[in-house]
């Protein structure tokens, strides 16, 4: 554990991991200037993401990672702050959240904090129904150095946490999908990456169990997590959450990496 964590004025690093995010990286980074340091990890970027990031920070790390957890851990290690705030390129930190983060780390012992999310599909705020590997309503993004580590998975890596657990009140703004077509493309990317994880593990699971998950995950998102309150959008979220396991299984069972086009391989690395 770093000794600086309990300092009177703790140092805050903001970490952004990006793959070809020129369309929204500047807007994201402009909301992070309250931090003492911004670190940007550029994964296989072939667009102008590096040029855009350089306007906000000189802490740029370029590389090539196939495993999502590995590239995120690389970024965390590169952060020099007592505390780290992870932000994706499609997320925005409001002034209220920035203020709460500063106030929180000034008084908190080493640990980690859940941040609630406001998820948008296009310009529609969709609060209910998220989960079951299809979006989050809250996740740990603020943590003291060495209190969070990502696992070795391509998609939805496992997380190891330590220290005091807390929760912030203000919400992260997340533009998760542009439209329904974008949701479908994300489902394709996610299931391709999950299929690769299943093949690597050597345990593909069972067809019948994944069929049952269609219904159990749909129920969890649409009923238990009140996706029905979002109308058609809630139905879509529940539907995609239900389809995610069975599509991943079928891709792992029926496809091999060599059958994917270069475009599909590239898309499977994109983080959501």
C-alpha atoms as a PDB file:
ATOM      1  CA  UNK A   1       0.000   0.000   0.000  1.00  0.00           C
ATOM      2  CA  UNK A   2       1.417   3.388  -0.898  1.00  0.00           C
ATOM      3  CA  UNK A   3       2.210   5.551   2.124  1.00  0.00           C
ATOM      4  CA  UNK A   4       0.895   8.704   0.470  1.00  0.00           C
ATOM      5  CA  UNK A   5      -2.722   7.508   0.569  1.00  0.00           C
ATOM      6  CA  UNK A   6      -3.375   9.116   3.948  1.00  0.00           C
ATOM      7  CA  UNK A   7      -1.641  12.394   3.064  1.00  0.00           C
ATOM      8  CA  UNK A   8      -3.562  15.626   3.849  1.00  0.00           C
ATOM      9  CA  UNK A   9      -3.845  16.442   0.136  1.00  0.00           C
ATOM     10  CA  UNK A  10      -3.855  13.099  -1.659  1.00  0.00           C
ATOM     11  CA  UNK A  11      -2.764  12.999  -5.277  1.00  0.00           C
ATOM     12  CA  UNK A  12      -5.468  11.900  -7.769  1.00  0.00           C
ATOM     13  CA  UNK A  13      -4.775  10.194 -11.082  1.00  0.00           C
ATOM     14  CA  UNK A  14      -7.460   9.810 -13.755  1.00  0.00           C
ATOM     15  CA  UNK A  15      -6.954   6.805 -16.026  1.00  0.00           C
ATOM     16  CA  UNK A  16      -8.504   6.468 -19.489  1.00  0.00           C
ATOM     17  CA  UNK A  17      -7.987   3.353 -21.619  1.00  0.00           C
ATOM     18  CA  UNK A  18      -8.855   3.945 -25.268  1.00  0.00           C
ATOM     19  CA  UNK A  19      -8.940   2.145 -28.607  1.00  0.00           C
ATOM     20  CA  UNK A  20      -9.659   4.456 -31.555  1.00  0.00           C
ATOM     21  CA  UNK A  21     -11.859   6.885 -29.610  1.00  0.00           C
ATOM     22  CA  UNK A  22     -11.226  10.088 -31.578  1.00  0.00           C
ATOM     23  CA  UNK A  23     -14.957  10.857 -31.763  1.00  0.00           C
ATOM     24  CA  UNK A  24     -15.396  11.311 -28.011  1.00  0.00           C
ATOM     25  CA  UNK A  25     -11.997  11.288 -26.296  1.00  0.00           C
ATOM     26  CA  UNK A  26     -11.621  15.072 -26.141  1.00  0.00           C
ATOM     27  CA  UNK A  27     -14.990  15.575 -24.436  1.00  0.00           C
ATOM     28  CA  UNK A  28     -14.151  12.870 -21.914  1.00  0.00           C
ATOM     29  CA  UNK A  29     -10.707  14.256 -21.083  1.00  0.00           C
ATOM     30  CA  UNK A  30     -12.048  17.808 -20.747  1.00  0.00           C
ATOM     31  CA  UNK A  31     -14.071  16.649 -17.715  1.00  0.00           C
ATOM     32  CA  UNK A  32     -10.973  15.278 -15.956  1.00  0.00           C
ATOM     33  CA  UNK A  33      -8.914  18.433 -15.566  1.00  0.00           C
ATOM     34  CA  UNK A  34      -9.739  18.539 -11.837  1.00  0.00           C
ATOM     35  CA  UNK A  35      -7.286  15.650 -11.331  1.00  0.00           C
ATOM     36  CA  UNK A  36      -3.589  16.047 -10.543  1.00  0.00           C
ATOM     37  CA  UNK A  37      -2.667  13.688 -13.348  1.00  0.00           C
ATOM     38  CA  UNK A  38      -4.304  12.177 -16.434  1.00  0.00           C
ATOM     39  CA  UNK A  39      -2.925   8.886 -17.787  1.00  0.00           C
ATOM     40  CA  UNK A  40      -4.130   7.629 -21.170  1.00  0.00           C
ATOM     41  CA  UNK A  41      -3.480   4.087 -22.366  1.00  0.00           C
ATOM     42  CA  UNK A  42      -3.691   3.892 -26.168  1.00  0.00           C
ATOM     43  CA  UNK A  43      -4.396   0.337 -27.298  1.00  0.00           C
ATOM     44  CA  UNK A  44      -3.693  -0.286 -30.995  1.00  0.00           C
ATOM     45  CA  UNK A  45      -4.911   3.196 -31.903  1.00  0.00           C
ATOM     46  CA  UNK A  46      -4.796   3.974 -35.618  1.00  0.00           C
ATOM     47  CA  UNK A  47      -6.867   7.183 -35.535  1.00  0.00           C
ATOM     48  CA  UNK A  48      -6.076  10.576 -33.997  1.00  0.00           C
ATOM     49  CA  UNK A  49      -6.640   9.471 -30.383  1.00  0.00           C
ATOM     50  CA  UNK A  50      -2.966  10.015 -29.508  1.00  0.00           C
ATOM     51  CA  UNK A  51      -2.966  13.547 -30.916  1.00  0.00           C
ATOM     52  CA  UNK A  52      -6.140  14.391 -28.999  1.00  0.00           C
ATOM     53  CA  UNK A  53      -4.880  12.896 -25.732  1.00  0.00           C
ATOM     54  CA  UNK A  54      -1.602  14.799 -26.014  1.00  0.00           C
ATOM     55  CA  UNK A  55      -3.535  18.072 -25.706  1.00  0.00           C
ATOM     56  CA  UNK A  56      -4.502  17.096 -22.157  1.00  0.00           C
ATOM     57  CA  UNK A  57      -1.542  15.097 -20.860  1.00  0.00           C
ATOM     58  CA  UNK A  58       1.971  13.896 -21.593  1.00  0.00           C
ATOM     59  CA  UNK A  59       1.324  10.678 -19.669  1.00  0.00           C
ATOM     60  CA  UNK A  60       0.608   8.494 -22.715  1.00  0.00           C
ATOM     61  CA  UNK A  61       1.179   4.746 -22.853  1.00  0.00           C
ATOM     62  CA  UNK A  62       1.010   3.060 -26.239  1.00  0.00           C
ATOM     63  CA  UNK A  63       0.821  -0.672 -26.746  1.00  0.00           C
ATOM     64  CA  UNK A  64      -1.073  -3.706 -27.958  1.00  0.00           C
ATOM     65  CA  UNK A  65      -3.148  -5.819 -25.612  1.00  0.00           C
ATOM     66  CA  UNK A  66      -5.533  -8.665 -26.374  1.00  0.00           C
ATOM     67  CA  UNK A  67      -6.578  -9.071 -22.736  1.00  0.00           C
ATOM     68  CA  UNK A  68      -8.732  -6.274 -21.294  1.00  0.00           C
ATOM     69  CA  UNK A  69      -7.581  -6.892 -17.744  1.00  0.00           C
ATOM     70  CA  UNK A  70      -3.913  -6.624 -18.707  1.00  0.00           C
ATOM     71  CA  UNK A  71      -4.229  -3.241 -20.395  1.00  0.00           C
ATOM     72  CA  UNK A  72      -6.213  -1.813 -17.480  1.00  0.00           C
ATOM     73  CA  UNK A  73      -3.651  -3.104 -14.972  1.00  0.00           C
ATOM     74  CA  UNK A  74      -0.890  -1.540 -17.083  1.00  0.00           C
ATOM     75  CA  UNK A  75      -2.630   1.811 -16.762  1.00  0.00           C
ATOM     76  CA  UNK A  76      -3.159   1.482 -13.015  1.00  0.00           C
ATOM     77  CA  UNK A  77       0.524   0.683 -12.472  1.00  0.00           C
ATOM     78  CA  UNK A  78       1.483   3.770 -14.506  1.00  0.00           C
ATOM     79  CA  UNK A  79      -0.590   6.088 -12.293  1.00  0.00           C
ATOM     80  CA  UNK A  80       1.473   7.933  -9.688  1.00  0.00           C
ATOM     81  CA  UNK A  81      -1.478   9.084  -7.588  1.00  0.00           C
ATOM     82  CA  UNK A  82      -2.520   7.959  -4.127  1.00  0.00           C
ATOM     83  CA  UNK A  83      -6.001   7.463  -5.625  1.00  0.00           C
ATOM     84  CA  UNK A  84      -7.043   6.400  -9.124  1.00  0.00           C
ATOM     85  CA  UNK A  85     -10.267   7.229 -10.976  1.00  0.00           C
ATOM     86  CA  UNK A  86     -10.940   5.012 -14.006  1.00  0.00           C
ATOM     87  CA  UNK A  87     -13.010   6.617 -16.755  1.00  0.00           C
ATOM     88  CA  UNK A  88     -13.874   5.212 -20.185  1.00  0.00           C
ATOM     89  CA  UNK A  89     -13.960   7.422 -23.261  1.00  0.00           C
ATOM     90  CA  UNK A  90     -17.769   7.224 -23.429  1.00  0.00           C
ATOM     91  CA  UNK A  91     -18.097   8.458 -19.829  1.00  0.00           C
ATOM     92  CA  UNK A  92     -18.232  11.977 -18.388  1.00  0.00           C
ATOM     93  CA  UNK A  93     -17.446  13.245 -14.891  1.00  0.00           C
ATOM     94  CA  UNK A  94     -19.810  16.032 -13.829  1.00  0.00           C
ATOM     95  CA  UNK A  95     -18.661  18.956 -11.695  1.00  0.00           C
ATOM     96  CA  UNK A  96     -20.692  17.599  -8.778  1.00  0.00           C
ATOM     97  CA  UNK A  97     -19.057  14.170  -9.038  1.00  0.00           C
ATOM     98  CA  UNK A  98     -15.594  15.723  -9.350  1.00  0.00           C
ATOM     99  CA  UNK A  99     -16.182  17.747  -6.179  1.00  0.00           C
ATOM    100  CA  UNK A 100     -17.465  14.704  -4.290  1.00  0.00           C
ATOM    101  CA  UNK A 101     -14.436  12.664  -5.378  1.00  0.00           C
ATOM    102  CA  UNK A 102     -12.054  15.326  -4.080  1.00  0.00           C
ATOM    103  CA  UNK A 103     -13.889  15.638  -0.785  1.00  0.00           C
ATOM    104  CA  UNK A 104     -14.034  11.865  -0.384  1.00  0.00           C
ATOM    105  CA  UNK A 105     -10.359  11.087  -0.911  1.00  0.00           C
ATOM    106  CA  UNK A 106      -9.321  13.917   1.405  1.00  0.00           C
ATOM    107  CA  UNK A 107     -10.890  12.057   4.331  1.00  0.00           C
ATOM    108  CA  UNK A 108     -11.034   8.364   3.372  1.00  0.00           C
ATOM    109  CA  UNK A 109      -8.643   5.592   4.450  1.00  0.00           C
ATOM    110  CA  UNK A 110      -7.321   3.240   1.746  1.00  0.00           C
ATOM    111  CA  UNK A 111     -10.152   1.509  -0.086  1.00  0.00           C
ATOM    112  CA  UNK A 112     -12.533   1.658  -3.013  1.00  0.00           C
ATOM    113  CA  UNK A 113     -15.826   3.340  -3.901  1.00  0.00           C
ATOM    114  CA  UNK A 114     -18.780   2.383  -6.047  1.00  0.00           C
ATOM    115  CA  UNK A 115     -19.935   5.126  -8.403  1.00  0.00           C
ATOM    116  CA  UNK A 116     -23.580   5.006  -9.584  1.00  0.00           C
ATOM    117  CA  UNK A 117     -24.212   5.423 -13.313  1.00  0.00           C
ATOM    118  CA  UNK A 118     -26.608   7.302 -15.525  1.00  0.00           C
ATOM    119  CA  UNK A 119     -26.651   5.258 -18.739  1.00  0.00           C
ATOM    120  CA  UNK A 120     -27.799   6.820 -21.997  1.00  0.00           C
ATOM    121  CA  UNK A 121     -28.912   5.169 -25.217  1.00  0.00           C
ATOM    122  CA  UNK A 122     -28.646   8.036 -27.643  1.00  0.00           C
ATOM    123  CA  UNK A 123     -30.141  10.979 -25.745  1.00  0.00           C
ATOM    124  CA  UNK A 124     -32.478   8.748 -23.696  1.00  0.00           C
ATOM    125  CA  UNK A 125     -31.588   8.270 -20.013  1.00  0.00           C
ATOM    126  CA  UNK A 126     -32.166   4.593 -19.149  1.00  0.00           C
ATOM    127  CA  UNK A 127     -31.721   3.874 -15.435  1.00  0.00           C
ATOM    128  CA  UNK A 128     -33.418   0.540 -14.882  1.00  0.00           C
ATOM    129  CA  UNK A 129     -32.700  -2.998 -16.068  1.00  0.00           C
ATOM    130  CA  UNK A 130     -28.926  -2.926 -16.403  1.00  0.00           C
ATOM    131  CA  UNK A 131     -26.890  -5.904 -15.276  1.00  0.00           C
ATOM    132  CA  UNK A 132     -26.291  -9.608 -15.976  1.00  0.00           C
ATOM    133  CA  UNK A 133     -23.193  -8.765 -18.073  1.00  0.00           C
ATOM    134  CA  UNK A 134     -25.155  -6.122 -19.987  1.00  0.00           C
ATOM    135  CA  UNK A 135     -24.248  -2.773 -18.492  1.00  0.00           C
ATOM    136  CA  UNK A 136     -23.923  -1.580 -14.904  1.00  0.00           C
ATOM    137  CA  UNK A 137     -25.949   0.629 -12.614  1.00  0.00           C
ATOM    138  CA  UNK A 138     -22.917   1.156 -10.342  1.00  0.00           C
ATOM    139  CA  UNK A 139     -19.301  -0.026 -10.377  1.00  0.00           C
ATOM    140  CA  UNK A 140     -16.009   0.553  -8.559  1.00  0.00           C
ATOM    141  CA  UNK A 141     -14.091   3.245 -10.406  1.00  0.00           C
ATOM    142  CA  UNK A 142     -12.479   5.205  -7.543  1.00  0.00           C
ATOM    143  CA  UNK A 143      -9.871   3.409  -5.468  1.00  0.00           C
ATOM    144  CA  UNK A 144      -6.619   3.981  -3.629  1.00  0.00           C
ATOM    145  CA  UNK A 145      -3.493   2.685  -5.338  1.00  0.00           C
ATOM    146  CA  UNK A 146      -3.035  -1.081  -5.018  1.00  0.00           C
ATOM    147  CA  UNK A 147      -6.641  -1.621  -3.856  1.00  0.00           C
ATOM    148  CA  UNK A 148      -7.940  -2.835  -7.228  1.00  0.00           C
ATOM    149  CA  UNK A 149      -6.637  -5.312  -9.762  1.00  0.00           C
ATOM    150  CA  UNK A 150      -8.275  -6.629 -12.918  1.00  0.00           C
ATOM    151  CA  UNK A 151      -8.344 -10.316 -13.849  1.00  0.00           C
ATOM    152  CA  UNK A 152      -6.976 -11.960 -17.031  1.00  0.00           C
ATOM    153  CA  UNK A 153     -10.170 -11.914 -19.127  1.00  0.00           C
ATOM    154  CA  UNK A 154     -10.879 -10.338 -22.517  1.00  0.00           C
ATOM    155  CA  UNK A 155     -14.378  -9.157 -21.591  1.00  0.00           C
ATOM    156  CA  UNK A 156     -15.842  -8.223 -18.194  1.00  0.00           C
ATOM    157  CA  UNK A 157     -12.626  -9.062 -16.316  1.00  0.00           C
ATOM    158  CA  UNK A 158     -12.945 -10.199 -12.729  1.00  0.00           C
ATOM    159  CA  UNK A 159     -11.877  -7.622 -10.140  1.00  0.00           C
ATOM    160  CA  UNK A 160      -9.967  -8.100  -6.895  1.00  0.00           C
ATOM    161  CA  UNK A 161     -10.607  -5.363  -4.309  1.00  0.00           C
ATOM    162  CA  UNK A 162      -9.155  -4.558  -0.900  1.00  0.00           C
ATOM    163  CA  UNK A 163      -9.519  -1.868   1.746  1.00  0.00           C
ATOM    164  CA  UNK A 164     -12.595   0.002   2.945  1.00  0.00           C
ATOM    165  CA  UNK A 165     -15.682  -0.226   0.714  1.00  0.00           C
ATOM    166  CA  UNK A 166     -17.823   2.855   0.130  1.00  0.00           C
ATOM    167  CA  UNK A 167     -20.265   4.414  -2.305  1.00  0.00           C
ATOM    168  CA  UNK A 168     -20.496   7.892  -3.811  1.00  0.00           C
ATOM    169  CA  UNK A 169     -23.779   9.722  -4.353  1.00  0.00           C
ATOM    170  CA  UNK A 170     -23.235  11.616  -7.601  1.00  0.00           C
ATOM    171  CA  UNK A 171     -23.479   9.695 -10.871  1.00  0.00           C
ATOM    172  CA  UNK A 172     -21.085   9.010 -13.709  1.00  0.00           C
ATOM    173  CA  UNK A 173     -22.612   9.932 -17.081  1.00  0.00           C
ATOM    174  CA  UNK A 174     -22.255   7.036 -19.524  1.00  0.00           C
ATOM    175  CA  UNK A 175     -23.182   7.190 -23.217  1.00  0.00           C
ATOM    176  CA  UNK A 176     -23.327   3.428 -23.537  1.00  0.00           C
ATOM    177  CA  UNK A 177     -24.951   3.078 -26.998  1.00  0.00           C
ATOM    178  CA  UNK A 178     -25.790   5.504 -29.820  1.00  0.00           C
ATOM    179  CA  UNK A 179     -28.875   3.586 -30.935  1.00  0.00           C
ATOM    180  CA  UNK A 180     -30.274   0.060 -31.265  1.00  0.00           C
ATOM    181  CA  UNK A 181     -27.865  -0.786 -34.079  1.00  0.00           C
ATOM    182  CA  UNK A 182     -25.014   0.168 -31.769  1.00  0.00           C
ATOM    183  CA  UNK A 183     -26.469  -2.123 -29.081  1.00  0.00           C
ATOM    184  CA  UNK A 184     -26.529  -5.014 -31.557  1.00  0.00           C
ATOM    185  CA  UNK A 185     -22.922  -4.336 -32.598  1.00  0.00           C
ATOM    186  CA  UNK A 186     -21.896  -4.289 -28.930  1.00  0.00           C
ATOM    187  CA  UNK A 187     -23.588  -7.645 -28.378  1.00  0.00           C
ATOM    188  CA  UNK A 188     -21.561  -9.049 -31.276  1.00  0.00           C
ATOM    189  CA  UNK A 189     -18.288  -7.670 -29.855  1.00  0.00           C
ATOM    190  CA  UNK A 190     -19.017  -8.864 -26.328  1.00  0.00           C
ATOM    191  CA  UNK A 191     -19.963 -12.398 -27.348  1.00  0.00           C
ATOM    192  CA  UNK A 192     -16.921 -12.724 -29.619  1.00  0.00           C
ATOM    193  CA  UNK A 193     -14.613 -11.736 -26.750  1.00  0.00           C
ATOM    194  CA  UNK A 194     -16.445 -13.967 -24.264  1.00  0.00           C
ATOM    195  CA  UNK A 195     -16.205 -16.897 -26.676  1.00  0.00           C
ATOM    196  CA  UNK A 196     -12.427 -16.426 -26.781  1.00  0.00           C
ATOM    197  CA  UNK A 197     -12.341 -16.475 -22.970  1.00  0.00           C
ATOM    198  CA  UNK A 198     -14.408 -19.669 -22.919  1.00  0.00           C
ATOM    199  CA  UNK A 199     -12.068 -21.384 -25.393  1.00  0.00           C
ATOM    200  CA  UNK A 200      -9.019 -20.254 -23.418  1.00  0.00           C
ATOM    201  CA  UNK A 201     -10.475 -21.630 -20.187  1.00  0.00           C
ATOM    202  CA  UNK A 202     -11.163 -25.038 -21.727  1.00  0.00           C
ATOM    203  CA  UNK A 203     -14.650 -25.047 -20.216  1.00  0.00           C
ATOM    204  CA  UNK A 204     -17.322 -24.012 -22.688  1.00  0.00           C
ATOM    205  CA  UNK A 205     -20.187 -24.860 -20.356  1.00  0.00           C
ATOM    206  CA  UNK A 206     -23.348 -26.700 -21.331  1.00  0.00           C
ATOM    207  CA  UNK A 207     -25.918 -25.899 -23.990  1.00  0.00           C
ATOM    208  CA  UNK A 208     -28.891 -26.545 -21.691  1.00  0.00           C
ATOM    209  CA  UNK A 209     -27.540 -24.333 -18.916  1.00  0.00           C
ATOM    210  CA  UNK A 210     -27.082 -21.438 -21.341  1.00  0.00           C
ATOM    211  CA  UNK A 211     -30.585 -21.926 -22.715  1.00  0.00           C
ATOM    212  CA  UNK A 212     -31.928 -21.559 -19.162  1.00  0.00           C
ATOM    213  CA  UNK A 213     -29.911 -18.390 -18.724  1.00  0.00           C
ATOM    214  CA  UNK A 214     -31.865 -16.768 -21.532  1.00  0.00           C
ATOM    215  CA  UNK A 215     -34.928 -16.780 -19.287  1.00  0.00           C
ATOM    216  CA  UNK A 216     -33.260 -16.275 -15.890  1.00  0.00           C
ATOM    217  CA  UNK A 217     -31.243 -13.284 -17.072  1.00  0.00           C
ATOM    218  CA  UNK A 218     -34.199 -11.793 -18.902  1.00  0.00           C
ATOM    219  CA  UNK A 219     -36.258 -12.053 -15.700  1.00  0.00           C
ATOM    220  CA  UNK A 220     -33.472 -10.558 -13.606  1.00  0.00           C
ATOM    221  CA  UNK A 221     -33.132  -7.494 -15.848  1.00  0.00           C
ATOM    222  CA  UNK A 222     -36.737  -6.960 -16.865  1.00  0.00           C
ATOM    223  CA  UNK A 223     -38.491  -7.787 -13.585  1.00  0.00           C
ATOM    224  CA  UNK A 224     -36.064  -7.858 -10.636  1.00  0.00           C
ATOM    225  CA  UNK A 225     -34.121  -4.822 -11.854  1.00  0.00           C
ATOM    226  CA  UNK A 226     -37.286  -3.126 -13.090  1.00  0.00           C
ATOM    227  CA  UNK A 227     -36.369  -2.857 -16.722  1.00  0.00           C
ATOM    228  CA  UNK A 228     -40.091  -2.825 -17.486  1.00  0.00           C
ATOM    229  CA  UNK A 229     -40.083   0.801 -16.311  1.00  0.00           C
ATOM    230  CA  UNK A 230     -38.020   1.717 -19.385  1.00  0.00           C
ATOM    231  CA  UNK A 231     -40.521   0.414 -21.924  1.00  0.00           C
ATOM    232  CA  UNK A 232     -39.043  -0.997 -25.118  1.00  0.00           C
ATOM    233  CA  UNK A 233     -35.505  -0.085 -24.057  1.00  0.00           C
ATOM    234  CA  UNK A 234     -35.880  -2.149 -20.904  1.00  0.00           C
ATOM    235  CA  UNK A 235     -37.093  -5.079 -22.992  1.00  0.00           C
ATOM    236  CA  UNK A 236     -34.055  -4.784 -25.287  1.00  0.00           C
ATOM    237  CA  UNK A 237     -31.634  -4.655 -22.363  1.00  0.00           C
ATOM    238  CA  UNK A 238     -33.196  -7.793 -20.853  1.00  0.00           C
ATOM    239  CA  UNK A 239     -33.247  -9.543 -24.233  1.00  0.00           C
ATOM    240  CA  UNK A 240     -29.556  -8.880 -24.931  1.00  0.00           C
ATOM    241  CA  UNK A 241     -28.606  -9.868 -21.378  1.00  0.00           C
ATOM    242  CA  UNK A 242     -30.387 -13.165 -21.933  1.00  0.00           C
ATOM    243  CA  UNK A 243     -28.826 -13.799 -25.332  1.00  0.00           C
ATOM    244  CA  UNK A 244     -25.273 -12.981 -24.212  1.00  0.00           C
ATOM    245  CA  UNK A 245     -24.426 -16.390 -22.622  1.00  0.00           C
ATOM    246  CA  UNK A 246     -25.941 -18.585 -25.329  1.00  0.00           C
ATOM    247  CA  UNK A 247     -24.414 -16.595 -28.200  1.00  0.00           C
ATOM    248  CA  UNK A 248     -21.016 -16.674 -26.475  1.00  0.00           C
ATOM    249  CA  UNK A 249     -21.335 -20.435 -26.031  1.00  0.00           C
ATOM    250  CA  UNK A 250     -22.331 -21.019 -29.648  1.00  0.00           C
ATOM    251  CA  UNK A 251     -19.500 -18.853 -30.967  1.00  0.00           C
ATOM    252  CA  UNK A 252     -17.024 -20.725 -28.769  1.00  0.00           C
ATOM    253  CA  UNK A 253     -18.438 -24.074 -29.907  1.00  0.00           C
ATOM    254  CA  UNK A 254     -18.901 -23.415 -33.617  1.00  0.00           C
ATOM    255  CA  UNK A 255     -16.313 -20.798 -34.557  1.00  0.00           C
ATOM    256  CA  UNK A 256     -12.561 -20.542 -34.315  1.00  0.00           C
ATOM    257  CA  UNK A 257     -10.514 -17.318 -34.293  1.00  0.00           C
ATOM    258  CA  UNK A 258      -9.332 -18.015 -37.840  1.00  0.00           C
ATOM    259  CA  UNK A 259     -12.946 -17.846 -39.045  1.00  0.00           C
ATOM    260  CA  UNK A 260     -13.283 -14.235 -37.916  1.00  0.00           C
ATOM    261  CA  UNK A 261     -12.464 -11.416 -40.309  1.00  0.00           C
ATOM    262  CA  UNK A 262      -9.756  -8.894 -39.303  1.00  0.00           C
ATOM    263  CA  UNK A 263     -12.530  -6.347 -38.678  1.00  0.00           C
ATOM    264  CA  UNK A 264     -14.320  -8.706 -36.268  1.00  0.00           C
ATOM    265  CA  UNK A 265     -11.080  -9.454 -34.411  1.00  0.00           C
ATOM    266  CA  UNK A 266     -10.411  -5.750 -34.039  1.00  0.00           C
ATOM    267  CA  UNK A 267     -13.942  -5.039 -32.798  1.00  0.00           C
ATOM    268  CA  UNK A 268     -13.737  -7.790 -30.191  1.00  0.00           C
ATOM    269  CA  UNK A 269     -11.030  -5.802 -28.415  1.00  0.00           C
ATOM    270  CA  UNK A 270     -13.114  -2.660 -28.040  1.00  0.00           C
ATOM    271  CA  UNK A 271     -14.198  -1.946 -24.482  1.00  0.00           C
ATOM    272  CA  UNK A 272     -17.647  -0.910 -23.695  1.00  0.00           C
END
